[in-house]
Amino acid sequence: MSRYGHTTAIVAAMSALALFAVPLQAVADDGPPKPRVDCSKAKNKDKPECQNKRGALDDEIINGAYWLAHTGKLKESLALLDTVADKDNPRALNARGFATRKLGDVDGALPFYARALAIKPDYVQAREYLGEAFLAKGDLARATEQLDEIARRAGTASVSFANLKREIAAFEAKRAVPG
């Protein structure tokens, strides 16, 4: 995609997200609606009404970034993640690690997973992706450690456990084939 097309796609995605992130003003039964606080103005950024909107917008951005990454638009995913307000959001860090790893930079992805897990140790999807990164480096022992952590924290019926177990089995099967 050209630089212009890349920028246009990000602007379009952000515009769509902004439309959905702005809550509709509810009309109360007991009088006229309260005036809306414009959270785009710097003077209002610390008002309680604007705090939740930024978090909600970050969630929408992260969801969009996951979708882009899982459809192979890895650079676009990373560009969208650059717009997240909370740079220490574990989901954003995990998504950044995923896209970075899928671009072939496994070593570059590891710090994102580590930071996400330092903030939220029970975040099993980050553990799943970290385990997959260890497999990409050929480190079965560390991948298995992550599988054990997922089992301990979320159980063996969790999606993250099943996904990493499947990846470990595929890794072992590939390694067992001579040649």
C-alpha atoms as a PDB file:
ATOM      1  CA  MET A   1       0.000   0.000   0.000  1.00  0.00           C
ATOM      2  CA  SER A   2       1.350   3.455  -0.813  1.00  0.00           C
ATOM      3  CA  ARG A   3       2.180   5.898   1.953  1.00  0.00           C
ATOM      4  CA  TYR A   4      -0.849   7.975   0.917  1.00  0.00           C
ATOM      5  CA  GLY A   5      -3.127   4.927   0.910  1.00  0.00           C
ATOM      6  CA  HIS A   6      -1.756   3.831   4.301  1.00  0.00           C
ATOM      7  CA  THR A   7      -2.449   7.262   5.817  1.00  0.00           C
ATOM      8  CA  THR A   8      -5.891   7.398   4.229  1.00  0.00           C
ATOM      9  CA  ALA A   9      -6.771   3.974   5.648  1.00  0.00           C
ATOM     10  CA  ILE A  10      -5.700   5.022   9.140  1.00  0.00           C
ATOM     11  CA  VAL A  11      -7.617   8.310   8.951  1.00  0.00           C
ATOM     12  CA  ALA A  12     -10.715   6.469   7.729  1.00  0.00           C
ATOM     13  CA  ALA A  13     -10.432   3.881  10.495  1.00  0.00           C
ATOM     14  CA  MET A  14      -9.944   6.568  13.134  1.00  0.00           C
ATOM     15  CA  SER A  15     -12.904   8.563  11.803  1.00  0.00           C
ATOM     16  CA  ALA A  16     -15.114   5.491  11.945  1.00  0.00           C
ATOM     17  CA  LEU A  17     -13.924   4.721  15.457  1.00  0.00           C
ATOM     18  CA  ALA A  18     -14.583   8.292  16.556  1.00  0.00           C
ATOM     19  CA  LEU A  19     -18.150   8.097  15.280  1.00  0.00           C
ATOM     20  CA  PHE A  20     -18.824   4.974  17.309  1.00  0.00           C
ATOM     21  CA  ALA A  21     -16.914   6.121  20.369  1.00  0.00           C
ATOM     22  CA  VAL A  22     -19.031   9.260  20.848  1.00  0.00           C
ATOM     23  CA  PRO A  23     -21.949   8.270  23.068  1.00  0.00           C
ATOM     24  CA  LEU A  24     -25.399   9.383  22.114  1.00  0.00           C
ATOM     25  CA  GLN A  25     -26.771  11.997  24.461  1.00  0.00           C
ATOM     26  CA  ALA A  26     -29.594  10.494  26.455  1.00  0.00           C
ATOM     27  CA  VAL A  27     -32.699  12.518  27.221  1.00  0.00           C
ATOM     28  CA  ALA A  28     -33.685  12.125  30.857  1.00  0.00           C
ATOM     29  CA  ASP A  29     -37.317  11.961  31.908  1.00  0.00           C
ATOM     30  CA  ASP A  30     -36.725  14.659  34.492  1.00  0.00           C
ATOM     31  CA  GLY A  31     -35.627  17.531  32.267  1.00  0.00           C
ATOM     32  CA  PRO A  32     -33.534  18.609  29.333  1.00  0.00           C
ATOM     33  CA  PRO A  33     -30.358  16.745  28.490  1.00  0.00           C
ATOM     34  CA  LYS A  34     -27.137  17.800  30.192  1.00  0.00           C
ATOM     35  CA  PRO A  35     -24.699  19.663  27.971  1.00  0.00           C
ATOM     36  CA  ARG A  36     -22.007  17.445  26.506  1.00  0.00           C
ATOM     37  CA  VAL A  37     -18.381  17.976  27.496  1.00  0.00           C
ATOM     38  CA  ASP A  38     -16.110  18.332  24.473  1.00  0.00           C
ATOM     39  CA  CYS A  39     -13.357  15.842  25.316  1.00  0.00           C
ATOM     40  CA  SER A  40     -11.299  16.883  22.307  1.00  0.00           C
ATOM     41  CA  LYS A  41     -10.445  20.185  24.045  1.00  0.00           C
ATOM     42  CA  ALA A  42      -7.301  20.195  26.152  1.00  0.00           C
ATOM     43  CA  LYS A  43      -9.014  22.002  29.032  1.00  0.00           C
ATOM     44  CA  ASN A  44     -11.472  19.101  29.414  1.00  0.00           C
ATOM     45  CA  LYS A  45      -9.057  16.181  29.142  1.00  0.00           C
ATOM     46  CA  ASP A  46      -8.938  15.575  32.915  1.00  0.00           C
ATOM     47  CA  LYS A  47     -12.697  15.803  33.494  1.00  0.00           C
ATOM     48  CA  PRO A  48     -14.263  12.491  34.574  1.00  0.00           C
ATOM     49  CA  GLU A  49     -16.594  12.525  31.569  1.00  0.00           C
ATOM     50  CA  CYS A  50     -13.558  12.364  29.280  1.00  0.00           C
ATOM     51  CA  GLN A  51     -11.551   9.752  31.131  1.00  0.00           C
ATOM     52  CA  ASN A  52     -13.790   6.820  30.232  1.00  0.00           C
ATOM     53  CA  LYS A  53     -14.126   7.918  26.614  1.00  0.00           C
ATOM     54  CA  ARG A  54     -10.373   7.754  26.123  1.00  0.00           C
ATOM     55  CA  GLY A  55     -10.292   4.238  27.566  1.00  0.00           C
ATOM     56  CA  ALA A  56     -13.235   3.219  25.414  1.00  0.00           C
ATOM     57  CA  LEU A  57     -11.579   4.722  22.344  1.00  0.00           C
ATOM     58  CA  ASP A  58      -8.366   2.847  23.175  1.00  0.00           C
ATOM     59  CA  ASP A  59     -10.386  -0.374  23.351  1.00  0.00           C
ATOM     60  CA  GLU A  60     -11.858   0.326  19.904  1.00  0.00           C
ATOM     61  CA  ILE A  61      -8.405   1.126  18.504  1.00  0.00           C
ATOM     62  CA  ILE A  62      -6.948  -2.078  19.961  1.00  0.00           C
ATOM     63  CA  ASN A  63      -9.847  -4.132  18.589  1.00  0.00           C
ATOM     64  CA  GLY A  64      -9.260  -2.577  15.174  1.00  0.00           C
ATOM     65  CA  ALA A  65      -5.529  -3.251  15.419  1.00  0.00           C
ATOM     66  CA  TYR A  66      -6.149  -6.913  16.269  1.00  0.00           C
ATOM     67  CA  TRP A  67      -8.472  -7.205  13.268  1.00  0.00           C
ATOM     68  CA  LEU A  68      -5.896  -5.612  10.974  1.00  0.00           C
ATOM     69  CA  ALA A  69      -3.106  -7.847  12.294  1.00  0.00           C
ATOM     70  CA  HIS A  70      -5.151 -11.021  11.992  1.00  0.00           C
ATOM     71  CA  THR A  71      -5.981 -10.168   8.384  1.00  0.00           C
ATOM     72  CA  GLY A  72      -2.316  -9.673   7.534  1.00  0.00           C
ATOM     73  CA  LYS A  73      -2.254  -5.867   7.643  1.00  0.00           C
ATOM     74  CA  LEU A  74       0.546  -5.834  10.187  1.00  0.00           C
ATOM     75  CA  LYS A  75       2.088  -2.426   9.459  1.00  0.00           C
ATOM     76  CA  GLU A  76      -1.364  -0.823   9.487  1.00  0.00           C
ATOM     77  CA  SER A  77      -2.042  -2.523  12.815  1.00  0.00           C
ATOM     78  CA  LEU A  78       1.124  -1.052  14.303  1.00  0.00           C
ATOM     79  CA  ALA A  79       0.299   2.400  12.919  1.00  0.00           C
ATOM     80  CA  LEU A  80      -3.157   2.229  14.490  1.00  0.00           C
ATOM     81  CA  LEU A  81      -1.653   1.118  17.814  1.00  0.00           C
ATOM     82  CA  ASP A  82       0.529   4.246  17.720  1.00  0.00           C
ATOM     83  CA  THR A  83      -2.664   6.242  18.342  1.00  0.00           C
ATOM     84  CA  VAL A  84      -3.540   4.505  21.637  1.00  0.00           C
ATOM     85  CA  ALA A  85      -3.516   7.028  24.490  1.00  0.00           C
ATOM     86  CA  ASP A  86      -2.523   4.525  27.205  1.00  0.00           C
ATOM     87  CA  LYS A  87       0.821   3.178  26.009  1.00  0.00           C
ATOM     88  CA  ASP A  88       0.897   0.778  28.991  1.00  0.00           C
ATOM     89  CA  ASN A  89      -2.418  -0.877  28.164  1.00  0.00           C
ATOM     90  CA  PRO A  90      -1.646  -4.626  28.318  1.00  0.00           C
ATOM     91  CA  ARG A  91      -3.947  -5.360  25.368  1.00  0.00           C
ATOM     92  CA  ALA A  92      -2.189  -2.721  23.257  1.00  0.00           C
ATOM     93  CA  LEU A  93       1.222  -4.101  24.243  1.00  0.00           C
ATOM     94  CA  ASN A  94       0.101  -7.631  23.395  1.00  0.00           C
ATOM     95  CA  ALA A  95      -1.297  -6.528  20.029  1.00  0.00           C
ATOM     96  CA  ARG A  96       1.944  -4.683  19.282  1.00  0.00           C
ATOM     97  CA  GLY A  97       3.925  -7.792  20.196  1.00  0.00           C
ATOM     98  CA  PHE A  98       1.727  -9.957  17.957  1.00  0.00           C
ATOM     99  CA  ALA A  99       2.079  -7.690  14.910  1.00  0.00           C
ATOM    100  CA  THR A 100       5.809  -7.243  15.499  1.00  0.00           C
ATOM    101  CA  ARG A 101       6.318 -11.012  15.764  1.00  0.00           C
ATOM    102  CA  LYS A 102       4.248 -11.718  12.667  1.00  0.00           C
ATOM    103  CA  LEU A 103       6.401  -9.213  10.763  1.00  0.00           C
ATOM    104  CA  GLY A 104       9.319 -11.510  11.592  1.00  0.00           C
ATOM    105  CA  ASP A 105      10.859  -9.560  14.489  1.00  0.00           C
ATOM    106  CA  VAL A 106      10.449 -12.148  17.253  1.00  0.00           C
ATOM    107  CA  ASP A 107      13.124 -10.576  19.459  1.00  0.00           C
ATOM    108  CA  GLY A 108      11.443  -7.189  19.043  1.00  0.00           C
ATOM    109  CA  ALA A 109       8.095  -8.652  20.141  1.00  0.00           C
ATOM    110  CA  LEU A 110       9.359 -10.184  23.394  1.00  0.00           C
ATOM    111  CA  PRO A 111       9.594  -6.900  25.368  1.00  0.00           C
ATOM    112  CA  PHE A 112       5.976  -6.047  24.507  1.00  0.00           C
ATOM    113  CA  TYR A 113       4.741  -9.360  25.900  1.00  0.00           C
ATOM    114  CA  ALA A 114       6.982  -9.017  28.957  1.00  0.00           C
ATOM    115  CA  ARG A 115       5.679  -5.521  29.683  1.00  0.00           C
ATOM    116  CA  ALA A 116       2.049  -6.612  29.247  1.00  0.00           C
ATOM    117  CA  LEU A 117       2.621  -9.497  31.681  1.00  0.00           C
ATOM    118  CA  ALA A 118       4.453  -7.292  34.188  1.00  0.00           C
ATOM    119  CA  ILE A 119       1.322  -5.121  34.307  1.00  0.00           C
ATOM    120  CA  LYS A 120      -1.204  -7.964  34.158  1.00  0.00           C
ATOM    121  CA  PRO A 121       0.354 -11.363  35.034  1.00  0.00           C
ATOM    122  CA  ASP A 122      -2.936 -13.242  34.495  1.00  0.00           C
ATOM    123  CA  TYR A 123      -3.262 -12.044  30.895  1.00  0.00           C
ATOM    124  CA  VAL A 124      -3.216 -15.502  29.341  1.00  0.00           C
ATOM    125  CA  GLN A 125      -3.481 -14.388  25.724  1.00  0.00           C
ATOM    126  CA  ALA A 126      -0.166 -12.551  26.166  1.00  0.00           C
ATOM    127  CA  ARG A 127       1.238 -15.768  27.651  1.00  0.00           C
ATOM    128  CA  GLU A 128      -0.065 -17.699  24.638  1.00  0.00           C
ATOM    129  CA  TYR A 129       1.604 -15.298  22.202  1.00  0.00           C
ATOM    130  CA  LEU A 130       4.795 -15.269  24.275  1.00  0.00           C
ATOM    131  CA  GLY A 131       4.818 -19.073  24.103  1.00  0.00           C
ATOM    132  CA  GLU A 132       4.399 -18.883  20.323  1.00  0.00           C
ATOM    133  CA  ALA A 133       7.320 -16.444  20.182  1.00  0.00           C
ATOM    134  CA  PHE A 134       9.477 -18.888  22.143  1.00  0.00           C
ATOM    135  CA  LEU A 135       8.525 -21.613  19.657  1.00  0.00           C
ATOM    136  CA  ALA A 136       9.563 -19.330  16.794  1.00  0.00           C
ATOM    137  CA  LYS A 137      12.954 -19.087  18.499  1.00  0.00           C
ATOM    138  CA  GLY A 138      13.062 -22.884  18.908  1.00  0.00           C
ATOM    139  CA  ASP A 139      12.704 -22.702  22.708  1.00  0.00           C
ATOM    140  CA  LEU A 140      10.220 -25.474  23.508  1.00  0.00           C
ATOM    141  CA  ALA A 141      11.012 -25.442  27.246  1.00  0.00           C
ATOM    142  CA  ARG A 142      10.044 -21.782  27.682  1.00  0.00           C
ATOM    143  CA  ALA A 143       6.935 -22.221  25.520  1.00  0.00           C
ATOM    144  CA  THR A 144       5.899 -25.141  27.735  1.00  0.00           C
ATOM    145  CA  GLU A 145       6.453 -22.950  30.812  1.00  0.00           C
ATOM    146  CA  GLN A 146       3.924 -20.493  29.376  1.00  0.00           C
ATOM    147  CA  LEU A 147       1.483 -23.338  28.697  1.00  0.00           C
ATOM    148  CA  ASP A 148       1.818 -24.411  32.339  1.00  0.00           C
ATOM    149  CA  GLU A 149       1.238 -20.804  33.487  1.00  0.00           C
ATOM    150  CA  ILE A 150      -1.897 -20.569  31.356  1.00  0.00           C
ATOM    151  CA  ALA A 151      -3.177 -23.841  32.855  1.00  0.00           C
ATOM    152  CA  ARG A 152      -2.479 -22.546  36.363  1.00  0.00           C
ATOM    153  CA  ARG A 153      -4.075 -19.139  35.783  1.00  0.00           C
ATOM    154  CA  ALA A 154      -7.002 -19.931  33.453  1.00  0.00           C
ATOM    155  CA  GLY A 155      -7.322 -23.700  33.322  1.00  0.00           C
ATOM    156  CA  THR A 156      -6.851 -26.269  30.601  1.00  0.00           C
ATOM    157  CA  ALA A 157     -10.262 -25.501  29.086  1.00  0.00           C
ATOM    158  CA  SER A 158      -9.227 -21.945  28.148  1.00  0.00           C
ATOM    159  CA  VAL A 159      -8.847 -20.923  24.506  1.00  0.00           C
ATOM    160  CA  SER A 160      -5.296 -19.698  25.125  1.00  0.00           C
ATOM    161  CA  PHE A 161      -4.323 -23.075  26.594  1.00  0.00           C
ATOM    162  CA  ALA A 162      -5.822 -24.939  23.610  1.00  0.00           C
ATOM    163  CA  ASN A 163      -4.166 -22.620  21.084  1.00  0.00           C
ATOM    164  CA  LEU A 164      -0.693 -22.827  22.604  1.00  0.00           C
ATOM    165  CA  LYS A 165      -0.997 -26.581  23.165  1.00  0.00           C
ATOM    166  CA  ARG A 166      -1.850 -26.980  19.466  1.00  0.00           C
ATOM    167  CA  GLU A 167       1.149 -24.829  18.452  1.00  0.00           C
ATOM    168  CA  ILE A 168       3.464 -26.836  20.714  1.00  0.00           C
ATOM    169  CA  ALA A 169       2.177 -30.117  19.240  1.00  0.00           C
ATOM    170  CA  ALA A 170       2.751 -28.793  15.693  1.00  0.00           C
ATOM    171  CA  PHE A 171       6.262 -27.670  16.674  1.00  0.00           C
ATOM    172  CA  GLU A 172       7.059 -31.089  18.143  1.00  0.00           C
ATOM    173  CA  ALA A 173       5.638 -32.901  15.094  1.00  0.00           C
ATOM    174  CA  LYS A 174       7.693 -30.773  12.730  1.00  0.00           C
ATOM    175  CA  ARG A 175      10.811 -31.341  14.791  1.00  0.00           C
ATOM    176  CA  ALA A 176      10.221 -35.113  14.805  1.00  0.00           C
ATOM    177  CA  VAL A 177      10.187 -35.289  10.993  1.00  0.00           C
ATOM    178  CA  PRO A 178      13.656 -36.251   9.768  1.00  0.00           C
ATOM    179  CA  GLY A 179      15.229 -34.070   7.184  1.00  0.00           C
END
